[in-house]
Amino acid sequence: MSPTVEGQLNASAPVLAAYSYCEAVTGSQARNFAYGIRLLPTDKRQAMSALYAFSRRVDDIGDGTLASEVKQVRLEETRALLKRIREGEVAQDDTDPVAVALTDAGRRFPIPLAGLDELIDGVLMDVRGETYESWDDLKVYCRCVAGAIGRLSLGVFGTQPGAPGAERAPEYADTLGLALQLTNILRDVREDAGNGRTYLPAEDLAKFGCSEGFASERLPAGSDFAGLVHYEVRRARALFAEGYRLLPLLDRRSGACVAAMAGIYRRLLDRIEREPEAVLRGRVSLPAREKAYVAVRGLSGLDTRHITRQRTRRG
């Protein structure tokens, strides 16, 4: 029996209750994420739920209505809690179920919890209202809020023993995180503008006459919003192509989880590419039946086999 399975079977009632809380948060707040992690075995699904619940707490502070100075204090308090979690100082009977679950997950899996420090750094960028002149600048933010999550997740997934190229798995996980985040940014341009945030690089906005932003469905005369979207879509597709090299390095169920989550976002990207102006009218999403299809496709290994064949032909 593997150590992680044995640990799951022997987990105390408070720890199991803490995981149940995190899974409930994940199921209600992260539909796309939840479709992927339901393909994992119980121990990995619990650990991923704990990671999500902590990440959600950080995001909720950044997205909330508190004054910016109060948000910064709350984020630093959360960073102090993370330090206690990393050092194993949270007891199983602690009243914070997210801290209890994440502490246990950190004991069971080699999760690089420093990545959650990076997430806090990224949310602090939001709180400070930072904008990004170039793609290189935006990549720093994306690596904090999404690339780090990819690397954290890899600590739960692990790689197949002896898999060729496994040493590059963290790089691929990071790149896949960038692809997902850039897709999020395209999907949410209107919502983010309503919250006073602009993520797309200023030089890209200027190139396509969109520097005034996206506070309404109406764009300035002469702007090429479709051209801007297609430009960013091509960038996201290149990131997906590189990040998908992670799939053959994972075991079947971990690969299925990643393929399902990434597949949902790739289909969102397809929709945005077909109708760029849709993102100015509201959030683009996939129906549940399509998400379920993507999950089944991931579990079947179709995406992993496709990537493996592509790599073989290139080699």
C-alpha atoms as a PDB file:
ATOM      1  CA  MET A   1       0.000   0.000   0.000  1.00  0.00           C
ATOM      2  CA  SER A   2       1.363   3.447  -0.919  1.00  0.00           C
ATOM      3  CA  PRO A   3       2.163   5.915   1.907  1.00  0.00           C
ATOM      4  CA  THR A   4      -0.440   8.376   0.619  1.00  0.00           C
ATOM      5  CA  VAL A   5      -3.217   5.772   0.535  1.00  0.00           C
ATOM      6  CA  GLU A   6      -2.252   4.479   3.964  1.00  0.00           C
ATOM      7  CA  GLY A   7      -2.250   8.046   5.291  1.00  0.00           C
ATOM      8  CA  GLN A   8      -5.701   8.638   3.846  1.00  0.00           C
ATOM      9  CA  LEU A   9      -7.093   5.511   5.456  1.00  0.00           C
ATOM     10  CA  ASN A  10      -5.583   6.411   8.816  1.00  0.00           C
ATOM     11  CA  ALA A  11      -6.530  10.083   8.767  1.00  0.00           C
ATOM     12  CA  SER A  12      -8.252  11.354  11.895  1.00  0.00           C
ATOM     13  CA  ALA A  13     -11.858  12.517  11.912  1.00  0.00           C
ATOM     14  CA  PRO A  14     -10.888  16.243  12.150  1.00  0.00           C
ATOM     15  CA  VAL A  15      -8.593  15.890   9.124  1.00  0.00           C
ATOM     16  CA  LEU A  16     -11.261  14.087   7.092  1.00  0.00           C
ATOM     17  CA  ALA A  17     -13.774  16.783   8.070  1.00  0.00           C
ATOM     18  CA  ALA A  18     -11.292  19.450   6.992  1.00  0.00           C
ATOM     19  CA  TYR A  19     -10.873  17.786   3.602  1.00  0.00           C
ATOM     20  CA  SER A  20     -14.654  17.514   3.228  1.00  0.00           C
ATOM     21  CA  TYR A  21     -14.925  21.255   3.817  1.00  0.00           C
ATOM     22  CA  CYS A  22     -12.267  21.968   1.178  1.00  0.00           C
ATOM     23  CA  GLU A  23     -13.966  19.664  -1.327  1.00  0.00           C
ATOM     24  CA  ALA A  24     -17.274  21.459  -0.734  1.00  0.00           C
ATOM     25  CA  VAL A  25     -15.604  24.818  -1.375  1.00  0.00           C
ATOM     26  CA  THR A  26     -14.023  23.473  -4.546  1.00  0.00           C
ATOM     27  CA  GLY A  27     -17.250  21.961  -5.837  1.00  0.00           C
ATOM     28  CA  SER A  28     -19.236  25.163  -5.320  1.00  0.00           C
ATOM     29  CA  GLN A  29     -16.650  27.754  -6.328  1.00  0.00           C
ATOM     30  CA  ALA A  30     -14.521  26.134  -9.038  1.00  0.00           C
ATOM     31  CA  ARG A  31     -16.652  24.255 -11.531  1.00  0.00           C
ATOM     32  CA  ASN A  32     -13.931  23.874 -14.184  1.00  0.00           C
ATOM     33  CA  PHE A  33     -11.321  22.822 -11.628  1.00  0.00           C
ATOM     34  CA  ALA A  34     -13.745  20.399  -9.980  1.00  0.00           C
ATOM     35  CA  TYR A  35     -14.421  18.613 -13.278  1.00  0.00           C
ATOM     36  CA  GLY A  36     -10.728  17.803 -13.503  1.00  0.00           C
ATOM     37  CA  ILE A  37      -9.912  16.752  -9.956  1.00  0.00           C
ATOM     38  CA  ARG A  38     -12.885  14.385  -9.682  1.00  0.00           C
ATOM     39  CA  LEU A  39     -10.838  12.091 -11.969  1.00  0.00           C
ATOM     40  CA  LEU A  40      -8.132  11.727  -9.310  1.00  0.00           C
ATOM     41  CA  PRO A  41      -7.889   9.052  -6.603  1.00  0.00           C
ATOM     42  CA  THR A  42      -9.191  10.142  -3.224  1.00  0.00           C
ATOM     43  CA  ASP A  43      -5.885  11.166  -1.636  1.00  0.00           C
ATOM     44  CA  LYS A  44      -4.839  13.355  -4.558  1.00  0.00           C
ATOM     45  CA  ARG A  45      -8.317  14.842  -4.941  1.00  0.00           C
ATOM     46  CA  GLN A  46      -8.306  15.812  -1.260  1.00  0.00           C
ATOM     47  CA  ALA A  47      -4.880  17.447  -1.536  1.00  0.00           C
ATOM     48  CA  MET A  48      -5.895  19.390  -4.645  1.00  0.00           C
ATOM     49  CA  SER A  49      -9.059  20.571  -2.886  1.00  0.00           C
ATOM     50  CA  ALA A  50      -6.966  21.829   0.031  1.00  0.00           C
ATOM     51  CA  LEU A  51      -4.712  23.734  -2.381  1.00  0.00           C
ATOM     52  CA  TYR A  52      -7.723  25.238  -4.111  1.00  0.00           C
ATOM     53  CA  ALA A  53      -9.461  26.252  -0.868  1.00  0.00           C
ATOM     54  CA  PHE A  54      -6.365  28.084   0.371  1.00  0.00           C
ATOM     55  CA  SER A  55      -5.865  29.728  -3.031  1.00  0.00           C
ATOM     56  CA  ARG A  56      -9.511  30.755  -3.078  1.00  0.00           C
ATOM     57  CA  ARG A  57      -9.111  32.419   0.306  1.00  0.00           C
ATOM     58  CA  VAL A  58      -6.222  34.475  -1.053  1.00  0.00           C
ATOM     59  CA  ASP A  59      -8.155  35.405  -4.203  1.00  0.00           C
ATOM     60  CA  ASP A  60     -11.253  36.376  -2.214  1.00  0.00           C
ATOM     61  CA  ILE A  61      -9.212  38.834  -0.164  1.00  0.00           C
ATOM     62  CA  GLY A  62      -7.887  40.439  -3.344  1.00  0.00           C
ATOM     63  CA  ASP A  63     -11.315  40.547  -5.020  1.00  0.00           C
ATOM     64  CA  GLY A  64     -13.248  41.713  -1.969  1.00  0.00           C
ATOM     65  CA  THR A  65     -14.560  45.152  -1.033  1.00  0.00           C
ATOM     66  CA  LEU A  66     -12.115  45.963   1.770  1.00  0.00           C
ATOM     67  CA  ALA A  67      -9.876  49.000   1.485  1.00  0.00           C
ATOM     68  CA  SER A  68      -6.571  48.216  -0.202  1.00  0.00           C
ATOM     69  CA  GLU A  69      -4.542  48.776   2.961  1.00  0.00           C
ATOM     70  CA  VAL A  70      -6.776  46.350   4.860  1.00  0.00           C
ATOM     71  CA  LYS A  71      -6.420  43.789   2.060  1.00  0.00           C
ATOM     72  CA  GLN A  72      -2.651  44.027   2.314  1.00  0.00           C
ATOM     73  CA  VAL A  73      -2.809  43.381   6.064  1.00  0.00           C
ATOM     74  CA  ARG A  74      -5.111  40.387   5.517  1.00  0.00           C
ATOM     75  CA  LEU A  75      -2.819  38.971   2.845  1.00  0.00           C
ATOM     76  CA  GLU A  76       0.212  39.256   5.111  1.00  0.00           C
ATOM     77  CA  GLU A  77      -1.757  37.530   7.881  1.00  0.00           C
ATOM     78  CA  THR A  78      -2.515  34.749   5.400  1.00  0.00           C
ATOM     79  CA  ARG A  79       1.183  34.575   4.554  1.00  0.00           C
ATOM     80  CA  ALA A  80       1.941  34.127   8.263  1.00  0.00           C
ATOM     81  CA  LEU A  81      -0.597  31.288   8.400  1.00  0.00           C
ATOM     82  CA  LEU A  82       1.081  29.708   5.374  1.00  0.00           C
ATOM     83  CA  LYS A  83       4.393  29.813   7.238  1.00  0.00           C
ATOM     84  CA  ARG A  84       2.791  27.878  10.116  1.00  0.00           C
ATOM     85  CA  ILE A  85       1.384  25.362   7.639  1.00  0.00           C
ATOM     86  CA  ARG A  86       4.768  24.898   5.935  1.00  0.00           C
ATOM     87  CA  GLU A  87       6.425  24.339   9.293  1.00  0.00           C
ATOM     88  CA  GLY A  88       3.789  21.811  10.392  1.00  0.00           C
ATOM     89  CA  GLU A  89       2.604  23.942  13.306  1.00  0.00           C
ATOM     90  CA  VAL A  90      -1.141  23.612  12.629  1.00  0.00           C
ATOM     91  CA  ALA A  91      -2.735  21.001  14.906  1.00  0.00           C
ATOM     92  CA  GLN A  92      -5.361  18.568  13.635  1.00  0.00           C
ATOM     93  CA  ASP A  93      -7.939  20.078  15.983  1.00  0.00           C
ATOM     94  CA  ASP A  94      -7.299  23.638  14.785  1.00  0.00           C
ATOM     95  CA  THR A  95     -10.516  25.533  14.043  1.00  0.00           C
ATOM     96  CA  ASP A  96      -9.395  26.467  10.502  1.00  0.00           C
ATOM     97  CA  PRO A  97     -10.287  23.501   8.258  1.00  0.00           C
ATOM     98  CA  VAL A  98      -8.315  24.829   5.274  1.00  0.00           C
ATOM     99  CA  ALA A  99      -5.149  25.105   7.347  1.00  0.00           C
ATOM    100  CA  VAL A 100      -5.699  21.612   8.792  1.00  0.00           C
ATOM    101  CA  ALA A 101      -6.243  20.051   5.363  1.00  0.00           C
ATOM    102  CA  LEU A 102      -3.323  21.818   3.697  1.00  0.00           C
ATOM    103  CA  THR A 103      -0.985  20.913   6.561  1.00  0.00           C
ATOM    104  CA  ASP A 104      -1.923  17.262   6.163  1.00  0.00           C
ATOM    105  CA  ALA A 105      -1.573  17.430   2.370  1.00  0.00           C
ATOM    106  CA  GLY A 106       1.893  18.916   2.802  1.00  0.00           C
ATOM    107  CA  ARG A 107       2.870  15.934   4.963  1.00  0.00           C
ATOM    108  CA  ARG A 108       1.548  13.398   2.460  1.00  0.00           C
ATOM    109  CA  PHE A 109       2.857  14.935  -0.774  1.00  0.00           C
ATOM    110  CA  PRO A 110       6.015  16.857  -1.788  1.00  0.00           C
ATOM    111  CA  ILE A 111       4.069  20.033  -2.474  1.00  0.00           C
ATOM    112  CA  PRO A 112       6.311  23.122  -2.956  1.00  0.00           C
ATOM    113  CA  LEU A 113       4.167  25.286  -0.673  1.00  0.00           C
ATOM    114  CA  ALA A 114       6.382  28.300  -1.375  1.00  0.00           C
ATOM    115  CA  GLY A 115       4.293  28.595  -4.528  1.00  0.00           C
ATOM    116  CA  LEU A 116       1.435  29.889  -2.374  1.00  0.00           C
ATOM    117  CA  ASP A 117       3.723  32.729  -1.296  1.00  0.00           C
ATOM    118  CA  GLU A 118       3.990  33.573  -4.984  1.00  0.00           C
ATOM    119  CA  LEU A 119       0.204  33.543  -5.263  1.00  0.00           C
ATOM    120  CA  ILE A 120      -0.007  36.058  -2.417  1.00  0.00           C
ATOM    121  CA  ASP A 121       2.586  38.197  -4.215  1.00  0.00           C
ATOM    122  CA  GLY A 122       0.440  38.105  -7.359  1.00  0.00           C
ATOM    123  CA  VAL A 123      -2.735  39.108  -5.525  1.00  0.00           C
ATOM    124  CA  LEU A 124      -0.813  41.968  -3.917  1.00  0.00           C
ATOM    125  CA  MET A 125      -0.096  43.163  -7.469  1.00  0.00           C
ATOM    126  CA  ASP A 126      -3.863  43.271  -8.008  1.00  0.00           C
ATOM    127  CA  VAL A 127      -4.416  45.156  -4.768  1.00  0.00           C
ATOM    128  CA  ARG A 128      -1.808  47.730  -5.768  1.00  0.00           C
ATOM    129  CA  GLY A 129      -3.476  48.112  -9.165  1.00  0.00           C
ATOM    130  CA  GLU A 130      -0.406  47.234 -11.184  1.00  0.00           C
ATOM    131  CA  THR A 131      -0.603  47.267 -14.969  1.00  0.00           C
ATOM    132  CA  TYR A 132       1.686  45.584 -17.482  1.00  0.00           C
ATOM    133  CA  GLU A 133       3.531  47.235 -20.320  1.00  0.00           C
ATOM    134  CA  SER A 134       4.654  44.089 -22.130  1.00  0.00           C
ATOM    135  CA  TRP A 135       4.023  40.356 -22.251  1.00  0.00           C
ATOM    136  CA  ASP A 136       7.245  39.832 -20.306  1.00  0.00           C
ATOM    137  CA  ASP A 137       5.805  42.016 -17.535  1.00  0.00           C
ATOM    138  CA  LEU A 138       2.468  40.186 -17.568  1.00  0.00           C
ATOM    139  CA  LYS A 139       4.250  36.813 -17.430  1.00  0.00           C
ATOM    140  CA  VAL A 140       5.620  37.723 -14.004  1.00  0.00           C
ATOM    141  CA  TYR A 141       2.060  38.178 -12.727  1.00  0.00           C
ATOM    142  CA  CYS A 142       0.757  35.058 -14.498  1.00  0.00           C
ATOM    143  CA  ARG A 143       3.561  32.956 -13.041  1.00  0.00           C
ATOM    144  CA  CYS A 144       2.602  34.123  -9.557  1.00  0.00           C
ATOM    145  CA  VAL A 145      -1.133  33.481  -9.784  1.00  0.00           C
ATOM    146  CA  ALA A 146      -1.226  30.492 -12.165  1.00  0.00           C
ATOM    147  CA  GLY A 147       2.206  29.097 -12.978  1.00  0.00           C
ATOM    148  CA  ALA A 148       2.831  28.604  -9.271  1.00  0.00           C
ATOM    149  CA  ILE A 149      -0.449  26.677  -9.002  1.00  0.00           C
ATOM    150  CA  GLY A 150       0.734  24.408 -11.806  1.00  0.00           C
ATOM    151  CA  ARG A 151       3.951  23.659  -9.946  1.00  0.00           C
ATOM    152  CA  LEU A 152       2.055  23.116  -6.681  1.00  0.00           C
ATOM    153  CA  SER A 153      -0.288  20.694  -8.433  1.00  0.00           C
ATOM    154  CA  LEU A 154       2.654  18.785  -9.845  1.00  0.00           C
ATOM    155  CA  GLY A 155       3.722  18.101  -6.256  1.00  0.00           C
ATOM    156  CA  VAL A 156       0.460  16.205  -5.837  1.00  0.00           C
ATOM    157  CA  PHE A 157       0.471  14.507  -9.248  1.00  0.00           C
ATOM    158  CA  GLY A 158       4.115  13.443  -9.313  1.00  0.00           C
ATOM    159  CA  THR A 159       5.682  12.097 -12.506  1.00  0.00           C
ATOM    160  CA  GLN A 160       5.949   8.562 -13.795  1.00  0.00           C
ATOM    161  CA  PRO A 161       9.213   6.918 -12.667  1.00  0.00           C
ATOM    162  CA  GLY A 162      11.750   6.952 -15.460  1.00  0.00           C
ATOM    163  CA  ALA A 163       9.626   9.088 -17.800  1.00  0.00           C
ATOM    164  CA  PRO A 164      11.925  10.724 -20.403  1.00  0.00           C
ATOM    165  CA  GLY A 165      12.069  14.474 -19.859  1.00  0.00           C
ATOM    166  CA  ALA A 166      10.561  14.316 -16.370  1.00  0.00           C
ATOM    167  CA  GLU A 167      13.085  16.891 -15.155  1.00  0.00           C
ATOM    168  CA  ARG A 168      11.256  19.494 -17.259  1.00  0.00           C
ATOM    169  CA  ALA A 169       7.851  18.742 -15.730  1.00  0.00           C
ATOM    170  CA  PRO A 170       7.860  21.862 -13.460  1.00  0.00           C
ATOM    171  CA  GLU A 171       8.623  24.024 -16.503  1.00  0.00           C
ATOM    172  CA  TYR A 172       5.730  22.489 -18.461  1.00  0.00           C
ATOM    173  CA  ALA A 173       3.369  22.827 -15.491  1.00  0.00           C
ATOM    174  CA  ASP A 174       4.324  26.479 -15.157  1.00  0.00           C
ATOM    175  CA  THR A 175       3.748  27.107 -18.874  1.00  0.00           C
ATOM    176  CA  LEU A 176       0.374  25.388 -18.813  1.00  0.00           C
ATOM    177  CA  GLY A 177      -0.571  27.656 -15.913  1.00  0.00           C
ATOM    178  CA  LEU A 178       0.318  30.676 -18.060  1.00  0.00           C
ATOM    179  CA  ALA A 179      -1.913  29.355 -20.860  1.00  0.00           C
ATOM    180  CA  LEU A 180      -4.855  28.958 -18.488  1.00  0.00           C
ATOM    181  CA  GLN A 181      -4.365  32.411 -16.986  1.00  0.00           C
ATOM    182  CA  LEU A 182      -4.125  34.157 -20.346  1.00  0.00           C
ATOM    183  CA  THR A 183      -7.376  32.430 -21.344  1.00  0.00           C
ATOM    184  CA  ASN A 184      -8.930  33.706 -18.102  1.00  0.00           C
ATOM    185  CA  ILE A 185      -7.750  37.223 -18.875  1.00  0.00           C
ATOM    186  CA  LEU A 186      -9.346  37.149 -22.330  1.00  0.00           C
ATOM    187  CA  ARG A 187     -12.579  35.699 -20.961  1.00  0.00           C
ATOM    188  CA  ASP A 188     -12.836  38.295 -18.188  1.00  0.00           C
ATOM    189  CA  VAL A 189     -11.754  41.536 -19.929  1.00  0.00           C
ATOM    190  CA  ARG A 190     -15.130  43.196 -19.342  1.00  0.00           C
ATOM    191  CA  GLU A 191     -15.539  42.001 -15.750  1.00  0.00           C
ATOM    192  CA  ASP A 192     -11.985  43.038 -14.891  1.00  0.00           C
ATOM    193  CA  ALA A 193     -12.510  46.452 -16.491  1.00  0.00           C
ATOM    194  CA  GLY A 194     -15.576  46.905 -14.288  1.00  0.00           C
ATOM    195  CA  ASN A 195     -13.321  46.288 -11.292  1.00  0.00           C
ATOM    196  CA  GLY A 196     -10.786  48.832 -12.542  1.00  0.00           C
ATOM    197  CA  ARG A 197      -8.263  46.234 -13.708  1.00  0.00           C
ATOM    198  CA  THR A 198      -6.509  45.853 -17.038  1.00  0.00           C
ATOM    199  CA  TYR A 199      -4.235  42.874 -17.540  1.00  0.00           C
ATOM    200  CA  LEU A 200      -3.501  42.724 -21.256  1.00  0.00           C
ATOM    201  CA  PRO A 201      -0.129  44.349 -22.048  1.00  0.00           C
ATOM    202  CA  ALA A 202      -0.333  48.085 -22.760  1.00  0.00           C
ATOM    203  CA  GLU A 203       1.799  47.705 -25.878  1.00  0.00           C
ATOM    204  CA  ASP A 204      -0.660  45.141 -27.265  1.00  0.00           C
ATOM    205  CA  LEU A 205      -3.629  47.389 -26.498  1.00  0.00           C
ATOM    206  CA  ALA A 206      -1.943  50.284 -28.265  1.00  0.00           C
ATOM    207  CA  LYS A 207      -1.059  48.154 -31.281  1.00  0.00           C
ATOM    208  CA  PHE A 208      -4.756  47.385 -31.880  1.00  0.00           C
ATOM    209  CA  GLY A 209      -6.218  50.756 -30.872  1.00  0.00           C
ATOM    210  CA  CYS A 210      -7.716  49.474 -27.616  1.00  0.00           C
ATOM    211  CA  SER A 211      -5.824  51.574 -25.074  1.00  0.00           C
ATOM    212  CA  GLU A 212      -9.053  53.111 -23.740  1.00  0.00           C
ATOM    213  CA  GLY A 213      -9.974  49.755 -22.230  1.00  0.00           C
ATOM    214  CA  PHE A 214     -13.185  47.736 -22.086  1.00  0.00           C
ATOM    215  CA  ALA A 215     -15.543  49.502 -19.710  1.00  0.00           C
ATOM    216  CA  SER A 216     -18.404  49.103 -22.214  1.00  0.00           C
ATOM    217  CA  GLU A 217     -19.381  47.013 -25.222  1.00  0.00           C
ATOM    218  CA  ARG A 218     -18.659  49.987 -27.474  1.00  0.00           C
ATOM    219  CA  LEU A 219     -15.079  50.325 -28.618  1.00  0.00           C
ATOM    220  CA  PRO A 220     -13.326  53.435 -29.974  1.00  0.00           C
ATOM    221  CA  ALA A 221     -13.654  54.064 -33.690  1.00  0.00           C
ATOM    222  CA  GLY A 222     -10.824  52.440 -35.592  1.00  0.00           C
ATOM    223  CA  SER A 223      -9.970  49.920 -32.871  1.00  0.00           C
ATOM    224  CA  ASP A 224      -9.378  46.295 -33.866  1.00  0.00           C
ATOM    225  CA  PHE A 225     -10.620  44.310 -30.889  1.00  0.00           C
ATOM    226  CA  ALA A 226     -10.917  41.102 -32.904  1.00  0.00           C
ATOM    227  CA  GLY A 227      -7.317  41.521 -34.030  1.00  0.00           C
ATOM    228  CA  LEU A 228      -6.207  41.976 -30.403  1.00  0.00           C
ATOM    229  CA  VAL A 229      -8.078  38.860 -29.286  1.00  0.00           C
ATOM    230  CA  HIS A 230      -6.716  36.741 -32.130  1.00  0.00           C
ATOM    231  CA  TYR A 231      -3.205  37.968 -31.335  1.00  0.00           C
ATOM    232  CA  GLU A 232      -3.532  36.886 -27.697  1.00  0.00           C
ATOM    233  CA  VAL A 233      -5.240  33.617 -28.685  1.00  0.00           C
ATOM    234  CA  ARG A 234      -2.214  32.678 -30.805  1.00  0.00           C
ATOM    235  CA  ARG A 235       0.016  33.378 -27.811  1.00  0.00           C
ATOM    236  CA  ALA A 236      -2.181  31.222 -25.561  1.00  0.00           C
ATOM    237  CA  ARG A 237      -2.202  28.367 -28.092  1.00  0.00           C
ATOM    238  CA  ALA A 238       1.593  28.354 -28.193  1.00  0.00           C
ATOM    239  CA  LEU A 239       1.643  28.143 -24.393  1.00  0.00           C
ATOM    240  CA  PHE A 240      -0.867  25.282 -24.418  1.00  0.00           C
ATOM    241  CA  ALA A 241       1.207  23.402 -27.006  1.00  0.00           C
ATOM    242  CA  GLU A 242       4.304  23.638 -24.803  1.00  0.00           C
ATOM    243  CA  GLY A 243       2.458  23.004 -21.530  1.00  0.00           C
ATOM    244  CA  TYR A 244       0.741  19.896 -22.895  1.00  0.00           C
ATOM    245  CA  ARG A 245       4.134  18.224 -23.014  1.00  0.00           C
ATOM    246  CA  LEU A 246       3.468  17.601 -19.308  1.00  0.00           C
ATOM    247  CA  LEU A 247       0.727  15.040 -20.005  1.00  0.00           C
ATOM    248  CA  PRO A 248       2.859  12.028 -21.035  1.00  0.00           C
ATOM    249  CA  LEU A 249       4.948  12.502 -17.885  1.00  0.00           C
ATOM    250  CA  LEU A 250       1.997  11.891 -15.552  1.00  0.00           C
ATOM    251  CA  ASP A 251       0.211   8.729 -14.511  1.00  0.00           C
ATOM    252  CA  ARG A 252      -3.092   7.988 -16.248  1.00  0.00           C
ATOM    253  CA  ARG A 253      -5.462   9.620 -13.747  1.00  0.00           C
ATOM    254  CA  SER A 254      -3.284  12.655 -13.073  1.00  0.00           C
ATOM    255  CA  GLY A 255      -2.890  13.106 -16.817  1.00  0.00           C
ATOM    256  CA  ALA A 256      -6.662  12.809 -17.223  1.00  0.00           C
ATOM    257  CA  CYS A 257      -7.166  15.502 -14.571  1.00  0.00           C
ATOM    258  CA  VAL A 258      -4.804  17.927 -16.306  1.00  0.00           C
ATOM    259  CA  ALA A 259      -6.200  17.092 -19.752  1.00  0.00           C
ATOM    260  CA  ALA A 260      -9.747  17.756 -18.532  1.00  0.00           C
ATOM    261  CA  MET A 261      -8.971  21.122 -16.940  1.00  0.00           C
ATOM    262  CA  ALA A 262      -6.800  22.292 -19.815  1.00  0.00           C
ATOM    263  CA  GLY A 263      -9.259  20.916 -22.372  1.00  0.00           C
ATOM    264  CA  ILE A 264     -12.086  22.997 -20.939  1.00  0.00           C
ATOM    265  CA  TYR A 265      -9.978  26.134 -21.220  1.00  0.00           C
ATOM    266  CA  ARG A 266      -8.867  25.295 -24.757  1.00  0.00           C
ATOM    267  CA  ARG A 267     -12.505  25.007 -25.775  1.00  0.00           C
ATOM    268  CA  LEU A 268     -13.190  28.364 -24.131  1.00  0.00           C
ATOM    269  CA  LEU A 269     -10.344  29.756 -26.192  1.00  0.00           C
ATOM    270  CA  ASP A 270     -11.919  28.302 -29.346  1.00  0.00           C
ATOM    271  CA  ARG A 271     -15.201  30.074 -28.545  1.00  0.00           C
ATOM    272  CA  ILE A 272     -13.466  33.365 -27.849  1.00  0.00           C
ATOM    273  CA  GLU A 273     -11.555  33.083 -31.123  1.00  0.00           C
ATOM    274  CA  ARG A 274     -14.755  32.447 -33.101  1.00  0.00           C
ATOM    275  CA  GLU A 275     -16.603  35.388 -31.550  1.00  0.00           C
ATOM    276  CA  PRO A 276     -14.216  37.850 -29.873  1.00  0.00           C
ATOM    277  CA  GLU A 277     -16.917  40.437 -29.118  1.00  0.00           C
ATOM    278  CA  ALA A 278     -18.786  37.909 -26.941  1.00  0.00           C
ATOM    279  CA  VAL A 279     -16.386  38.595 -24.063  1.00  0.00           C
ATOM    280  CA  LEU A 280     -17.546  42.226 -24.038  1.00  0.00           C
ATOM    281  CA  ARG A 281     -21.136  41.104 -23.424  1.00  0.00           C
ATOM    282  CA  GLY A 282     -20.381  38.775 -20.495  1.00  0.00           C
ATOM    283  CA  ARG A 283     -18.441  35.750 -19.357  1.00  0.00           C
ATOM    284  CA  VAL A 284     -18.040  33.018 -21.960  1.00  0.00           C
ATOM    285  CA  SER A 285     -18.569  29.527 -20.547  1.00  0.00           C
ATOM    286  CA  LEU A 286     -19.133  25.933 -21.630  1.00  0.00           C
ATOM    287  CA  PRO A 287     -22.330  23.957 -20.924  1.00  0.00           C
ATOM    288  CA  ALA A 288     -22.046  21.146 -18.399  1.00  0.00           C
ATOM    289  CA  ARG A 289     -22.458  18.440 -21.041  1.00  0.00           C
ATOM    290  CA  GLU A 290     -19.449  19.756 -22.951  1.00  0.00           C
ATOM    291  CA  LYS A 291     -17.337  19.842 -19.801  1.00  0.00           C
ATOM    292  CA  ALA A 292     -18.355  16.259 -19.081  1.00  0.00           C
ATOM    293  CA  TYR A 293     -17.308  15.256 -22.611  1.00  0.00           C
ATOM    294  CA  VAL A 294     -13.895  16.869 -22.099  1.00  0.00           C
ATOM    295  CA  ALA A 295     -13.490  14.994 -18.798  1.00  0.00           C
ATOM    296  CA  VAL A 296     -14.317  11.659 -20.462  1.00  0.00           C
ATOM    297  CA  ARG A 297     -11.894  12.443 -23.267  1.00  0.00           C
ATOM    298  CA  GLY A 298      -9.192  13.153 -20.693  1.00  0.00           C
ATOM    299  CA  LEU A 299      -9.871   9.915 -18.821  1.00  0.00           C
ATOM    300  CA  SER A 300      -9.702   7.973 -22.091  1.00  0.00           C
ATOM    301  CA  GLY A 301      -6.158   9.258 -22.623  1.00  0.00           C
ATOM    302  CA  LEU A 302      -6.897  10.690 -26.075  1.00  0.00           C
ATOM    303  CA  ASP A 303      -5.107  13.974 -25.391  1.00  0.00           C
ATOM    304  CA  THR A 304      -2.095  12.281 -23.843  1.00  0.00           C
ATOM    305  CA  ARG A 305      -1.748   9.866 -26.767  1.00  0.00           C
ATOM    306  CA  HIS A 306      -2.100  12.730 -29.227  1.00  0.00           C
ATOM    307  CA  ILE A 307       0.696  14.697 -27.556  1.00  0.00           C
ATOM    308  CA  THR A 308       2.912  11.603 -27.407  1.00  0.00           C
ATOM    309  CA  ARG A 309       2.422  10.960 -31.142  1.00  0.00           C
ATOM    310  CA  GLN A 310       3.244  14.574 -31.946  1.00  0.00           C
ATOM    311  CA  ARG A 311       6.462  14.418 -29.920  1.00  0.00           C
ATOM    312  CA  THR A 312       7.432  11.124 -31.596  1.00  0.00           C
ATOM    313  CA  ARG A 313       6.959  12.599 -35.074  1.00  0.00           C
ATOM    314  CA  ARG A 314       8.992  15.687 -34.187  1.00  0.00           C
ATOM    315  CA  GLY A 315      11.739  13.505 -32.726  1.00  0.00           C
END
